[in-house]
Every structure is written in C-alpha cells, then in structure tokens.
C-alpha cells in the first residue's frame, strides 16, 4: 500500500500529484492486469524478445 505523508502547509494538489507519480512508478495497475490471466513462460519470453527487437530497431534508425 502506498503512503504519502502530507507535509505541514503542503498543497493537497501537490500531494495528489506525488501519489500519482508513485503509483505509476510502482506499476500497480500493470501487475494487476498481467495477473488477470495466465500466460505461459514461453509466450512471455517471446513477447519480451519482440519488444527488445522493436526498441533496438528504433534506436538503430535514430542513429543513422
């Protein structure tokens, strides 16, 4: 569970912004979505490899 300590005199919008940033960095929603259904380890590994190849392709094109 995420906790945000609100400092004395701190604006509530600022605290909410900090909470949202922490929530995004922890990837709570992403892990919940991933755990909704089972994916075989081989499929997970294949997707990882495809993603890495795609990112590498983008970086290679950027360097040209």
N, C-alpha and C. Protein backbone atom coordinates (compact mmCIF):
# COMPACT_ATOMS: atom_id res chain seq x y z
N UNK A 1 0.83 -1.17 0.00
CA UNK A 1 0.00 0.00 0.00
C UNK A 1 0.88 1.24 0.00
N UNK A 2 0.53 2.18 -0.84
CA UNK A 2 1.29 3.41 -0.95
C UNK A 2 0.85 4.40 0.12
N UNK A 3 1.81 5.07 0.69
CA UNK A 3 1.51 6.09 1.68
C UNK A 3 2.21 7.38 1.27
N UNK A 4 1.49 8.44 1.37
CA UNK A 4 2.05 9.76 1.09
C UNK A 4 1.90 10.59 2.35
N UNK A 5 3.00 11.01 2.89
CA UNK A 5 2.99 11.87 4.07
C UNK A 5 2.81 13.31 3.60
N UNK A 6 1.75 13.95 4.06
CA UNK A 6 1.50 15.34 3.69
C UNK A 6 2.23 16.22 4.70
N UNK A 7 3.09 17.06 4.15
CA UNK A 7 3.88 17.94 4.99
C UNK A 7 3.03 19.12 5.44
N UNK A 8 3.41 19.71 6.53
CA UNK A 8 2.64 20.84 7.06
C UNK A 8 2.69 22.02 6.10
N UNK A 9 1.52 22.51 5.74
CA UNK A 9 1.44 23.64 4.82
C UNK A 9 1.53 23.25 3.36
N UNK A 10 1.55 21.94 3.06
CA UNK A 10 1.66 21.49 1.67
C UNK A 10 0.28 21.51 1.01
N UNK A 11 0.27 21.89 -0.24
CA UNK A 11 -0.96 21.94 -1.01
C UNK A 11 -1.44 20.51 -1.29
N UNK A 12 -2.76 20.30 -1.24
CA UNK A 12 -3.31 18.96 -1.44
C UNK A 12 -3.10 18.49 -2.88
N UNK A 13 -3.15 19.41 -3.85
CA UNK A 13 -2.92 19.03 -5.25
C UNK A 13 -1.50 18.49 -5.44
N UNK A 14 -0.57 19.09 -4.75
CA UNK A 14 0.83 18.65 -4.83
C UNK A 14 0.98 17.23 -4.27
N UNK A 15 0.29 16.96 -3.16
CA UNK A 15 0.35 15.63 -2.56
C UNK A 15 -0.29 14.59 -3.48
N UNK A 16 -1.39 14.96 -4.11
CA UNK A 16 -2.05 14.04 -5.05
C UNK A 16 -1.14 13.76 -6.23
N UNK A 17 -0.44 14.78 -6.70
CA UNK A 17 0.49 14.61 -7.82
C UNK A 17 1.61 13.64 -7.43
N UNK A 18 2.14 13.78 -6.21
CA UNK A 18 3.18 12.87 -5.73
C UNK A 18 2.65 11.44 -5.64
N UNK A 19 1.40 11.29 -5.17
CA UNK A 19 0.80 9.96 -5.08
C UNK A 19 0.67 9.33 -6.45
N UNK A 20 0.19 10.09 -7.44
CA UNK A 20 0.02 9.55 -8.79
C UNK A 20 1.36 9.13 -9.38
N UNK A 21 2.39 9.92 -9.15
CA UNK A 21 3.72 9.59 -9.66
C UNK A 21 4.23 8.30 -9.02
N UNK A 22 4.05 8.18 -7.71
CA UNK A 22 4.49 6.97 -7.02
C UNK A 22 3.71 5.75 -7.51
N UNK A 23 2.42 5.92 -7.69
CA UNK A 23 1.55 4.84 -8.16
C UNK A 23 2.00 4.37 -9.54
N UNK A 24 2.33 5.30 -10.42
CA UNK A 24 2.77 4.95 -11.77
C UNK A 24 4.12 4.24 -11.73
N UNK A 25 5.02 4.69 -10.87
CA UNK A 25 6.35 4.09 -10.80
C UNK A 25 6.33 2.68 -10.20
N UNK A 26 5.39 2.41 -9.33
CA UNK A 26 5.30 1.11 -8.70
C UNK A 26 4.67 0.10 -9.65
N UNK A 27 3.93 0.57 -10.64
CA UNK A 27 3.28 -0.25 -11.67
C UNK A 27 2.23 -1.18 -11.07
N UNK A 28 1.42 -0.65 -10.18
CA UNK A 28 0.39 -1.44 -9.53
C UNK A 28 -0.63 -1.93 -10.55
N UNK A 29 -1.14 -1.03 -11.37
CA UNK A 29 -2.19 -1.39 -12.33
C UNK A 29 -1.65 -2.37 -13.37
N UNK A 30 -0.42 -2.18 -13.79
CA UNK A 30 0.16 -3.07 -14.79
C UNK A 30 0.25 -4.50 -14.26
N UNK A 31 0.69 -4.66 -13.03
CA UNK A 31 0.79 -6.01 -12.47
C UNK A 31 -0.59 -6.63 -12.26
N UNK A 32 -1.58 -5.81 -11.89
CA UNK A 32 -2.93 -6.35 -11.73
C UNK A 32 -3.47 -6.87 -13.06
N UNK A 33 -3.24 -6.11 -14.13
CA UNK A 33 -3.71 -6.54 -15.45
C UNK A 33 -2.99 -7.80 -15.91
N UNK A 34 -1.70 -7.88 -15.64
CA UNK A 34 -0.93 -9.05 -16.04
C UNK A 34 -1.39 -10.31 -15.31
N UNK A 35 -1.81 -10.15 -14.07
CA UNK A 35 -2.19 -11.31 -13.26
C UNK A 35 -3.64 -11.73 -13.44
N UNK A 36 -4.39 -11.05 -14.31
CA UNK A 36 -5.77 -11.44 -14.53
C UNK A 36 -5.87 -12.79 -15.24
N UNK A 37 -4.88 -13.11 -16.03
CA UNK A 37 -4.91 -14.37 -16.75
C UNK A 37 -3.49 -14.93 -16.81
N UNK A 38 -3.40 -16.23 -17.03
CA UNK A 38 -2.11 -16.89 -17.05
C UNK A 38 -1.50 -16.83 -18.44
N UNK A 39 -0.24 -16.47 -18.51
CA UNK A 39 0.48 -16.54 -19.78
C UNK A 39 1.65 -17.50 -19.59
N UNK A 40 1.83 -18.33 -20.56
CA UNK A 40 2.91 -19.31 -20.49
C UNK A 40 4.25 -18.59 -20.48
N UNK A 41 5.23 -19.15 -19.79
CA UNK A 41 6.55 -18.51 -19.75
C UNK A 41 7.17 -18.34 -21.13
N UNK A 42 6.92 -19.29 -22.03
CA UNK A 42 7.48 -19.18 -23.37
C UNK A 42 6.87 -18.00 -24.14
N UNK A 43 5.58 -17.77 -23.95
CA UNK A 43 4.90 -16.64 -24.61
C UNK A 43 5.41 -15.33 -24.03
N UNK A 44 5.58 -15.29 -22.71
CA UNK A 44 6.08 -14.08 -22.05
C UNK A 44 7.49 -13.75 -22.56
N UNK A 45 8.33 -14.78 -22.67
CA UNK A 45 9.69 -14.59 -23.15
C UNK A 45 9.70 -14.13 -24.61
N UNK A 46 8.82 -14.70 -25.44
CA UNK A 46 8.74 -14.32 -26.84
C UNK A 46 8.33 -12.85 -26.99
N UNK A 47 7.36 -12.41 -26.18
CA UNK A 47 6.93 -11.01 -26.22
C UNK A 47 8.06 -10.08 -25.80
N UNK A 48 8.82 -10.48 -24.79
CA UNK A 48 9.95 -9.69 -24.33
C UNK A 48 10.98 -9.54 -25.44
N UNK A 49 11.27 -10.63 -26.14
CA UNK A 49 12.24 -10.60 -27.23
C UNK A 49 11.75 -9.72 -28.37
N UNK A 50 10.46 -9.80 -28.71
CA UNK A 50 9.91 -8.96 -29.77
C UNK A 50 9.97 -7.48 -29.39
N UNK A 51 9.68 -7.19 -28.15
CA UNK A 51 9.73 -5.80 -27.68
C UNK A 51 11.16 -5.27 -27.74
N UNK A 52 12.12 -6.07 -27.31
CA UNK A 52 13.52 -5.67 -27.34
C UNK A 52 13.99 -5.45 -28.76
N UNK A 53 13.58 -6.32 -29.69
CA UNK A 53 13.97 -6.17 -31.09
C UNK A 53 13.38 -4.90 -31.69
N UNK A 54 12.13 -4.61 -31.34
CA UNK A 54 11.47 -3.40 -31.84
C UNK A 54 12.18 -2.14 -31.34
N UNK A 55 12.50 -2.11 -30.07
CA UNK A 55 13.19 -0.95 -29.49
C UNK A 55 14.58 -0.80 -30.11
N UNK A 56 15.26 -1.90 -30.30
CA UNK A 56 16.59 -1.85 -30.92
C UNK A 56 16.49 -1.32 -32.35
N UNK A 57 15.45 -1.74 -33.08
CA UNK A 57 15.22 -1.26 -34.45
C UNK A 57 15.02 0.26 -34.46
N UNK A 58 14.23 0.76 -33.50
CA UNK A 58 14.00 2.21 -33.41
C UNK A 58 15.30 2.96 -33.11
N UNK A 59 16.10 2.42 -32.23
CA UNK A 59 17.37 3.07 -31.87
C UNK A 59 18.35 3.05 -33.04
N UNK A 60 18.35 1.95 -33.78
CA UNK A 60 19.23 1.87 -34.96
C UNK A 60 18.83 2.89 -36.00
N UNK A 61 17.55 3.07 -36.23
CA UNK A 61 17.09 4.05 -37.20
C UNK A 61 17.40 5.47 -36.73
N UNK A 62 17.34 5.70 -35.44
CA UNK A 62 17.62 7.02 -34.89
C UNK A 62 19.09 7.39 -35.07
N UNK A 63 19.98 6.41 -34.97
CA UNK A 63 21.41 6.67 -35.08
C UNK A 63 21.89 6.85 -36.51
N UNK A 64 21.09 6.46 -37.48
CA UNK A 64 21.51 6.56 -38.88
C UNK A 64 21.54 7.97 -39.35
